N, C-alpha and C. Protein backbone atom coordinates (compact mmCIF):
# COMPACT_ATOMS: atom_id res chain seq x y z
N UNK A 1 -3.71 -47.98 45.31
CA UNK A 1 -4.73 -47.01 45.34
C UNK A 1 -5.90 -47.99 45.79
N UNK A 2 -6.34 -48.88 45.11
CA UNK A 2 -7.35 -49.89 45.20
C UNK A 2 -7.62 -50.41 47.02
N UNK A 3 -6.46 -50.80 47.11
CA UNK A 3 -6.45 -51.33 48.59
C UNK A 3 -6.56 -50.13 49.52
N UNK A 4 -6.29 -49.00 49.38
CA UNK A 4 -6.39 -47.98 50.42
C UNK A 4 -7.81 -47.22 50.48
N UNK A 5 -8.56 -47.36 49.31
CA UNK A 5 -9.84 -46.93 49.11
C UNK A 5 -10.98 -48.08 49.40
N UNK A 6 -10.49 -49.11 49.66
CA UNK A 6 -11.40 -50.46 49.79
C UNK A 6 -12.53 -50.33 51.02
N UNK A 7 -12.02 -49.67 51.79
CA UNK A 7 -13.15 -49.29 53.13
C UNK A 7 -13.70 -47.93 53.01
N UNK A 8 -13.47 -47.13 52.02
CA UNK A 8 -13.78 -45.54 51.74
C UNK A 8 -14.98 -45.92 51.04
N UNK A 9 -15.89 -44.84 51.11
CA UNK A 9 -17.06 -44.69 50.34
C UNK A 9 -16.69 -44.39 48.65
N UNK A 10 -17.43 -44.61 47.79
CA UNK A 10 -17.33 -44.81 46.40
C UNK A 10 -17.01 -43.29 46.10
N UNK A 11 -17.33 -42.66 46.63
CA UNK A 11 -17.07 -40.97 45.98
C UNK A 11 -15.67 -40.42 46.18
N UNK A 12 -14.86 -41.25 47.09
CA UNK A 12 -13.74 -40.75 47.54
C UNK A 12 -12.86 -41.14 46.22
N UNK A 13 -13.00 -41.78 45.20
CA UNK A 13 -12.29 -42.04 44.05
C UNK A 13 -12.57 -40.45 43.17
N UNK A 14 -13.69 -40.13 43.08
CA UNK A 14 -14.01 -38.90 42.41
C UNK A 14 -13.28 -37.79 43.01
N UNK A 15 -13.22 -37.81 44.27
CA UNK A 15 -12.51 -36.92 44.99
C UNK A 15 -11.07 -36.84 44.98
N UNK A 16 -10.31 -37.93 44.46
CA UNK A 16 -9.12 -38.19 44.32
C UNK A 16 -8.76 -37.72 43.03
N UNK A 17 -9.61 -38.18 41.97
CA UNK A 17 -9.19 -37.58 40.57
C UNK A 17 -9.37 -36.16 40.47
N UNK A 18 -10.29 -35.66 40.98
CA UNK A 18 -10.42 -34.01 41.07
C UNK A 18 -9.01 -33.55 41.68
N UNK A 19 -8.60 -34.10 42.69
CA UNK A 19 -7.24 -33.49 43.48
C UNK A 19 -6.29 -33.70 42.45
N UNK A 20 -6.27 -34.70 41.93
CA UNK A 20 -4.85 -34.91 40.70
C UNK A 20 -4.87 -34.01 39.44
N UNK A 21 -6.36 -34.47 38.81
CA UNK A 21 -6.33 -33.97 37.66
C UNK A 21 -6.95 -32.46 37.31
N UNK A 22 -7.74 -32.04 38.31
CA UNK A 22 -8.52 -30.67 38.02
C UNK A 22 -7.63 -29.84 38.96
N UNK A 23 -7.35 -29.81 40.07
CA UNK A 23 -6.71 -29.03 41.09
C UNK A 23 -5.13 -29.16 41.09
N UNK A 24 -4.58 -30.27 40.56
CA UNK A 24 -3.36 -30.28 39.96
C UNK A 24 -2.57 -30.34 41.36
N UNK A 25 -2.94 -31.24 42.59
CA UNK A 25 -2.25 -31.29 43.63
C UNK A 25 -1.01 -31.67 43.48
N UNK A 26 -0.02 -31.48 44.31
CA UNK A 26 1.55 -31.91 44.18
C UNK A 26 1.62 -32.87 45.45
N UNK A 27 0.73 -32.83 46.48
CA UNK A 27 0.73 -33.72 47.76
C UNK A 27 -0.61 -33.55 48.21
N UNK A 28 -0.85 -34.83 48.74
CA UNK A 28 -2.22 -34.96 49.32
C UNK A 28 -2.72 -34.09 50.47
N UNK A 29 -1.75 -33.27 50.89
CA UNK A 29 -2.24 -32.44 51.98
C UNK A 29 -3.03 -31.20 51.42
N UNK A 30 -2.90 -31.08 50.04
CA UNK A 30 -3.70 -30.10 49.35
C UNK A 30 -5.33 -30.63 49.15
N UNK A 31 -5.26 -31.65 49.30
CA UNK A 31 -6.59 -32.46 48.91
C UNK A 31 -7.45 -32.41 50.16
N UNK A 32 -8.07 -31.14 50.60
CA UNK A 32 -8.66 -31.07 51.59
C UNK A 32 -10.03 -31.47 51.77
N UNK A 33 -10.52 -32.16 50.60
CA UNK A 33 -12.02 -32.73 50.76
C UNK A 33 -12.00 -34.11 51.24
N UNK A 34 -10.52 -34.75 51.35
CA UNK A 34 -10.48 -36.02 51.94
C UNK A 34 -10.09 -35.91 53.41
N UNK A 35 -10.54 -36.73 54.40
CA UNK A 35 -10.04 -36.74 55.67
C UNK A 35 -8.70 -36.79 55.61
N UNK A 36 -8.21 -36.31 56.92
CA UNK A 36 -6.70 -36.11 57.21
C UNK A 36 -6.00 -37.46 57.18
N UNK A 37 -6.71 -38.54 57.87
CA UNK A 37 -6.13 -39.83 58.13
C UNK A 37 -5.73 -40.46 56.72
N UNK A 38 -6.90 -40.42 55.76
CA UNK A 38 -6.57 -40.70 54.18
C UNK A 38 -5.55 -40.00 53.63
N UNK A 39 -5.53 -38.60 53.71
CA UNK A 39 -4.46 -37.79 53.14
C UNK A 39 -3.22 -38.51 53.43
N UNK A 40 -3.13 -38.54 54.68
CA UNK A 40 -1.86 -39.05 55.47
C UNK A 40 -1.07 -40.43 54.78
N UNK A 41 -2.26 -41.30 54.69
CA UNK A 41 -2.11 -42.81 54.05
C UNK A 41 -1.70 -42.52 52.71
N UNK A 42 -2.43 -41.71 51.92
CA UNK A 42 -2.02 -41.56 50.54
C UNK A 42 -0.67 -41.08 50.42
N UNK A 43 -0.15 -40.12 51.05
CA UNK A 43 1.06 -39.49 51.06
C UNK A 43 2.08 -40.33 51.21
N UNK A 44 2.09 -41.34 52.29
CA UNK A 44 2.95 -42.54 52.52
C UNK A 44 2.82 -43.42 51.19
N UNK A 45 1.74 -43.67 50.97
CA UNK A 45 1.80 -45.30 50.04
C UNK A 45 1.59 -44.64 48.55
N UNK A 46 1.15 -43.49 48.28
CA UNK A 46 1.00 -43.12 46.87
C UNK A 46 1.47 -41.48 46.62
N UNK A 47 2.55 -41.11 46.72
CA UNK A 47 2.85 -39.71 46.73
C UNK A 47 2.59 -39.50 45.30
N UNK A 48 2.45 -37.85 45.09
CA UNK A 48 1.98 -37.05 43.91
C UNK A 48 3.27 -36.64 43.47
N UNK A 49 4.32 -36.51 44.00
CA UNK A 49 5.73 -36.10 43.49
C UNK A 49 6.08 -36.73 42.10
N UNK A 50 6.09 -35.57 41.30
CA UNK A 50 6.62 -36.22 39.92
C UNK A 50 8.46 -35.73 39.92
N UNK A 51 9.14 -36.42 39.99
CA UNK A 51 10.63 -36.13 39.88
C UNK A 51 11.14 -36.09 38.56
N UNK A 52 11.00 -34.44 38.36
CA UNK A 52 11.52 -33.76 37.16
C UNK A 52 11.91 -32.32 37.31
N UNK A 53 12.49 -31.82 36.29
CA UNK A 53 12.90 -30.47 36.35
C UNK A 53 12.83 -29.84 34.93
N UNK A 54 12.83 -28.82 34.65
CA UNK A 54 12.82 -28.07 33.59
C UNK A 54 14.30 -27.61 33.32
N UNK A 55 14.59 -27.88 32.04
CA UNK A 55 16.29 -27.79 31.78
C UNK A 55 16.36 -26.72 30.64
N UNK A 56 15.66 -26.49 30.14
CA UNK A 56 15.94 -25.54 28.88
C UNK A 56 14.63 -24.64 28.84
N UNK A 57 14.76 -23.56 28.89
CA UNK A 57 13.47 -22.29 28.85
C UNK A 57 13.78 -21.29 27.57
N UNK A 58 12.84 -20.52 27.48
CA UNK A 58 12.59 -19.45 26.53
C UNK A 58 14.10 -19.10 26.07
N UNK A 59 15.00 -18.63 27.29
CA UNK A 59 16.19 -18.05 26.79
C UNK A 59 17.09 -18.65 25.89
N UNK A 60 16.93 -20.00 25.93
CA UNK A 60 17.65 -21.00 24.97
C UNK A 60 16.84 -21.40 23.49
N UNK A 61 15.45 -20.60 23.45
CA UNK A 61 14.68 -21.17 22.47
C UNK A 61 13.67 -20.06 22.02
N UNK A 62 13.69 -19.69 20.54
CA UNK A 62 13.37 -18.63 20.31
C UNK A 62 11.70 -18.97 20.28
N UNK A 63 11.24 -20.15 20.41
CA UNK A 63 10.15 -20.52 20.10
C UNK A 63 9.24 -20.46 21.45
N UNK A 64 10.04 -20.29 22.66
CA UNK A 64 9.66 -20.12 24.23
C UNK A 64 9.20 -21.59 24.54
N UNK A 65 9.84 -22.64 24.02
CA UNK A 65 9.42 -23.88 24.51
C UNK A 65 10.29 -24.13 25.91
N UNK A 66 9.92 -25.00 26.82
CA UNK A 66 10.34 -25.49 27.85
C UNK A 66 10.82 -27.14 27.75
N UNK A 67 11.74 -27.68 28.08
CA UNK A 67 12.29 -28.92 28.12
C UNK A 67 12.21 -29.29 29.46
N UNK A 68 11.67 -30.61 29.77
CA UNK A 68 11.82 -31.16 31.05
C UNK A 68 12.57 -32.45 30.82
N UNK A 69 13.39 -32.77 31.87
CA UNK A 69 13.75 -34.09 32.33
C UNK A 69 12.89 -34.81 33.41
N UNK A 70 12.36 -36.03 32.91
CA UNK A 70 11.60 -36.68 34.07
C UNK A 70 12.28 -37.97 34.55
N UNK A 71 12.39 -38.01 35.69
CA UNK A 71 13.13 -39.33 36.16
C UNK A 71 11.99 -40.44 36.57
N UNK A 72 11.95 -41.52 36.08
CA UNK A 72 10.95 -42.37 36.28
C UNK A 72 11.37 -43.14 37.60
N UNK A 73 10.25 -44.06 38.20
CA UNK A 73 10.37 -44.87 39.53
C UNK A 73 11.87 -45.52 39.14
N UNK A 74 11.90 -46.05 38.16
CA UNK A 74 12.85 -47.17 37.95
C UNK A 74 14.20 -46.46 37.65
N UNK A 75 14.53 -45.07 37.69
CA UNK A 75 15.61 -44.39 37.58
C UNK A 75 15.80 -43.79 36.11
N UNK A 76 15.10 -44.46 35.09
CA UNK A 76 15.29 -43.96 33.66
C UNK A 76 14.91 -42.68 33.50
N UNK A 77 15.41 -41.99 32.53
CA UNK A 77 14.89 -40.45 32.32
C UNK A 77 14.36 -40.44 30.75
N UNK A 78 13.38 -39.62 30.90
CA UNK A 78 12.58 -39.38 29.49
C UNK A 78 12.62 -37.64 29.54
N UNK A 79 12.22 -37.10 28.28
CA UNK A 79 12.16 -35.98 27.92
C UNK A 79 10.77 -35.64 27.57
N UNK A 80 10.26 -34.21 28.17
CA UNK A 80 9.04 -33.93 27.57
C UNK A 80 9.12 -32.32 27.14
N UNK A 81 8.46 -31.87 26.49
CA UNK A 81 8.45 -30.30 26.22
C UNK A 81 6.96 -29.46 26.10
N UNK A 82 6.96 -28.49 26.66
CA UNK A 82 6.04 -27.61 26.59
C UNK A 82 6.10 -26.47 25.56
N UNK A 83 5.31 -26.43 24.53
CA UNK A 83 5.46 -25.42 23.48
C UNK A 83 4.09 -24.48 23.73
N UNK A 84 4.54 -22.95 23.99
CA UNK A 84 3.52 -22.14 23.90
C UNK A 84 3.02 -21.70 22.38
N UNK A 85 1.71 -21.43 22.06
CA UNK A 85 1.43 -21.15 20.77
C UNK A 85 0.48 -19.62 20.98
N UNK A 86 0.34 -18.97 19.90
CA UNK A 86 -0.54 -17.88 19.85
C UNK A 86 -2.04 -18.22 20.41
N UNK A 87 -2.55 -17.29 20.97
CA UNK A 87 -3.82 -17.39 21.51
C UNK A 87 -3.97 -18.19 23.15
N UNK A 88 -2.69 -18.04 23.52
CA UNK A 88 -2.50 -18.91 24.80
C UNK A 88 -2.89 -20.26 24.95
N UNK A 89 -2.43 -20.95 23.78
CA UNK A 89 -2.40 -22.37 23.71
C UNK A 89 -1.28 -22.99 24.04
N UNK A 90 -1.31 -24.18 24.82
CA UNK A 90 0.00 -24.61 25.18
C UNK A 90 0.01 -26.29 24.81
N UNK A 91 0.83 -26.77 23.93
CA UNK A 91 1.03 -28.23 23.78
C UNK A 91 2.07 -28.74 24.50
N UNK A 92 1.73 -29.82 25.00
CA UNK A 92 2.89 -30.89 25.80
C UNK A 92 2.99 -31.97 24.81
N UNK A 93 4.47 -32.16 24.67
CA UNK A 93 4.95 -33.10 23.64
C UNK A 93 5.43 -34.04 24.60
N UNK A 94 4.86 -35.42 24.55
CA UNK A 94 5.02 -36.61 25.43
C UNK A 94 6.02 -37.40 24.88
N UNK A 95 6.72 -38.39 25.54
CA UNK A 95 7.62 -39.28 25.15
C UNK A 95 6.42 -40.48 25.56
N UNK A 96 6.44 -41.41 24.65
CA UNK A 96 6.19 -42.98 24.95
C UNK A 96 6.86 -43.94 25.17
N UNK A 97 8.10 -43.84 25.21
CA UNK A 97 9.27 -44.68 25.43
C UNK A 97 10.16 -44.16 25.84
N UNK A 98 11.15 -45.16 26.77
CA UNK A 98 12.51 -44.91 27.17
C UNK A 98 13.41 -45.21 25.89
N UNK A 99 13.93 -44.29 25.14
CA UNK A 99 14.90 -44.66 23.94
C UNK A 99 14.02 -44.88 22.76
N UNK A 100 14.45 -45.49 21.79
CA UNK A 100 13.89 -45.70 20.69
C UNK A 100 14.27 -46.96 19.97
N UNK A 101 13.40 -47.97 19.58
CA UNK A 101 14.15 -49.23 19.06
C UNK A 101 14.23 -49.04 17.41
N UNK A 102 14.16 -47.82 16.85
CA UNK A 102 14.43 -47.61 15.49
C UNK A 102 15.91 -47.45 14.86
N UNK A 103 16.63 -46.91 16.01
CA UNK A 103 18.36 -46.45 15.77
C UNK A 103 18.81 -45.90 14.54
N UNK A 104 17.91 -44.93 14.33
CA UNK A 104 18.44 -43.91 13.32
C UNK A 104 19.79 -43.43 13.50
N UNK A 105 20.57 -43.40 12.59
CA UNK A 105 22.03 -42.94 12.98
C UNK A 105 22.17 -41.35 13.09
N UNK A 106 21.20 -40.58 12.83
CA UNK A 106 21.21 -39.13 12.71
C UNK A 106 20.69 -38.85 14.17
N UNK A 107 20.01 -39.46 15.03
CA UNK A 107 19.19 -39.16 16.16
C UNK A 107 20.01 -39.80 17.33
N UNK A 108 20.12 -38.57 18.30
CA UNK A 108 20.69 -39.07 19.62
C UNK A 108 19.74 -40.14 20.41
N UNK A 109 18.55 -39.85 20.29
CA UNK A 109 17.60 -40.71 20.94
C UNK A 109 17.63 -42.49 20.55
N UNK A 110 17.90 -42.36 19.23
CA UNK A 110 18.10 -43.56 18.68
C UNK A 110 19.39 -44.38 18.98
N UNK A 111 20.53 -43.65 18.77
CA UNK A 111 21.70 -44.15 19.60
C UNK A 111 21.68 -44.47 20.82
N UNK A 112 21.13 -44.15 21.63
CA UNK A 112 21.02 -44.59 22.70
C UNK A 112 20.42 -45.90 23.14
N UNK A 113 19.69 -46.21 21.98
CA UNK A 113 18.95 -47.56 22.20
C UNK A 113 17.58 -47.73 23.10
N UNK A 114 16.83 -48.66 22.86
CA UNK A 114 15.71 -48.91 23.34
C UNK A 114 15.61 -49.47 24.77
N UNK A 115 14.83 -48.77 25.73
CA UNK A 115 14.68 -49.67 27.23
C UNK A 115 13.56 -50.16 27.29
N UNK A 116 12.58 -49.49 27.10
CA UNK A 116 11.28 -50.01 27.27
C UNK A 116 10.13 -48.93 27.06
N UNK A 117 8.79 -49.50 27.05
CA UNK A 117 7.75 -48.56 26.65
C UNK A 117 7.31 -47.95 27.89
N UNK A 118 6.41 -46.81 27.98
CA UNK A 118 6.36 -46.17 29.17
C UNK A 118 4.93 -46.66 29.49
N UNK A 119 4.38 -46.78 31.01
CA UNK A 119 3.15 -46.94 31.02
C UNK A 119 2.08 -45.71 31.00
N UNK A 120 0.98 -45.89 31.05
CA UNK A 120 -0.06 -45.08 30.76
C UNK A 120 0.04 -43.76 31.79
N UNK A 121 0.43 -44.29 33.13
CA UNK A 121 0.88 -43.40 34.10
C UNK A 121 1.69 -42.50 33.90
N UNK A 122 2.95 -43.01 33.43
CA UNK A 122 4.08 -42.39 32.99
C UNK A 122 4.01 -41.30 32.08
N UNK A 123 3.08 -41.45 31.16
CA UNK A 123 2.93 -40.74 29.85
C UNK A 123 2.19 -39.36 30.54
N UNK A 124 0.89 -39.85 31.37
CA UNK A 124 0.07 -38.77 31.96
C UNK A 124 1.09 -38.25 32.94
N UNK A 125 1.69 -38.58 33.60
CA UNK A 125 2.72 -37.77 34.74
C UNK A 125 3.30 -36.63 33.84
N UNK A 126 3.62 -37.12 32.75
CA UNK A 126 4.28 -35.96 31.90
C UNK A 126 3.47 -34.59 31.60
N UNK A 127 2.14 -35.01 31.44
CA UNK A 127 1.17 -33.89 31.02
C UNK A 127 0.98 -33.10 32.41
N UNK A 128 1.07 -33.93 33.60
CA UNK A 128 0.59 -33.20 34.76
C UNK A 128 1.92 -32.53 35.30
N UNK A 129 3.06 -32.83 34.91
CA UNK A 129 4.33 -31.82 35.13
C UNK A 129 4.23 -30.67 34.76
N UNK A 130 3.80 -30.50 33.48
CA UNK A 130 3.73 -29.08 32.91
C UNK A 130 2.75 -28.55 33.21
N UNK A 131 1.29 -29.33 33.30
CA UNK A 131 0.03 -28.58 33.91
C UNK A 131 0.52 -28.01 35.49
N UNK A 132 0.98 -28.60 36.00
CA UNK A 132 1.30 -27.84 37.49
C UNK A 132 2.29 -26.83 37.29
N UNK A 133 3.13 -26.78 36.37
CA UNK A 133 3.96 -25.78 36.21
C UNK A 133 3.60 -24.72 35.71
N UNK A 134 2.71 -24.79 34.77
CA UNK A 134 1.53 -23.54 34.08
C UNK A 134 0.83 -23.02 35.20
N UNK A 135 0.16 -23.93 36.28
CA UNK A 135 -0.67 -23.22 37.15
C UNK A 135 0.17 -22.40 38.20
N UNK A 136 1.30 -22.74 38.42
CA UNK A 136 2.37 -21.96 39.32
C UNK A 136 2.91 -20.67 38.70
N UNK A 137 3.23 -20.57 37.32
CA UNK A 137 3.75 -19.88 36.82
C UNK A 137 3.08 -18.71 36.25
N UNK A 138 1.79 -19.34 35.46
CA UNK A 138 1.08 -18.41 34.74
C UNK A 138 -0.49 -18.48 34.70
N UNK A 139 -1.08 -19.47 35.56
CA UNK A 139 -2.48 -19.82 35.67
C UNK A 139 -2.82 -20.23 34.38
N UNK A 140 -2.15 -20.73 33.23
CA UNK A 140 -2.70 -20.90 31.97
C UNK A 140 -2.97 -22.51 32.05
N UNK A 141 -3.54 -22.91 31.03
CA UNK A 141 -3.73 -24.42 30.93
C UNK A 141 -3.06 -25.02 29.64
N UNK A 142 -3.04 -26.51 29.77
CA UNK A 142 -2.63 -27.15 28.53
C UNK A 142 -3.80 -27.12 27.70
N UNK A 143 -3.76 -27.45 26.26
CA UNK A 143 -4.99 -27.18 25.26
C UNK A 143 -4.54 -28.39 24.39
N UNK A 144 -3.17 -28.98 24.40
CA UNK A 144 -2.91 -30.06 23.29
C UNK A 144 -1.95 -30.91 23.82
N UNK A 145 -1.97 -31.95 23.31
CA UNK A 145 -1.08 -33.14 23.78
C UNK A 145 -0.68 -33.95 22.36
N UNK A 146 0.78 -34.05 22.29
CA UNK A 146 1.08 -34.71 21.01
C UNK A 146 2.18 -35.51 21.56
N UNK A 147 2.58 -36.60 20.97
CA UNK A 147 3.70 -37.76 20.98
C UNK A 147 4.66 -37.04 20.17
N UNK A 148 6.12 -37.40 20.96
CA UNK A 148 7.24 -37.04 20.23
C UNK A 148 7.54 -38.15 19.26
N UNK A 149 8.13 -37.50 18.34
CA UNK A 149 8.88 -38.53 17.16
C UNK A 149 7.73 -38.47 15.98
N UNK A 150 7.84 -39.18 15.04
CA UNK A 150 7.18 -39.64 13.91
C UNK A 150 6.41 -40.48 13.90
N UNK A 151 6.83 -41.81 13.60
CA UNK A 151 5.59 -42.79 13.70
C UNK A 151 6.24 -43.80 15.13
N UNK A 152 7.28 -43.58 15.64
CA UNK A 152 7.83 -44.56 16.66
C UNK A 152 6.70 -44.42 17.91
N UNK A 153 6.06 -43.32 18.41
CA UNK A 153 4.89 -43.61 19.18
C UNK A 153 4.11 -44.69 19.10
N UNK A 154 3.66 -44.90 17.87
CA UNK A 154 2.83 -45.94 17.64
C UNK A 154 3.26 -47.22 17.84
N UNK A 155 4.73 -47.56 18.14
CA UNK A 155 5.17 -48.81 18.34
C UNK A 155 5.15 -49.11 19.87
N UNK A 156 4.46 -48.24 20.68
CA UNK A 156 3.99 -48.30 22.05
C UNK A 156 2.53 -48.79 21.99
């Protein structure tokens, strides 16, 4: 991103952040405040697509939570959960690691072993995934973000 913006005016970074985090753009073509040439370059070099899908919704869950599997750039998979609450509040429960190093015998994640910590952007993408989902399905917004697990997120 830095090399793409090297010859652009400084305000382009603000426009890009607004497109991603406020407007929840899924493709740079939606960022109409940017010039077409820059949008094309960003689509080629920095795509906004998050490779994930919702695998469980309210029909399987009395609380109305939605679980998603997100596939990371290296092919590893993580889970995230969107939980609705009274008062139109929504919490996204994010992962901070692929697998878990604690190895608790009662936990499926622990049994699968630890692969690696997630980057800050991989954690952020989980929130963006559900923010985009809410925008499309209800025009509601995420109000809370929590980390999955008890203490293991603090290991990252």
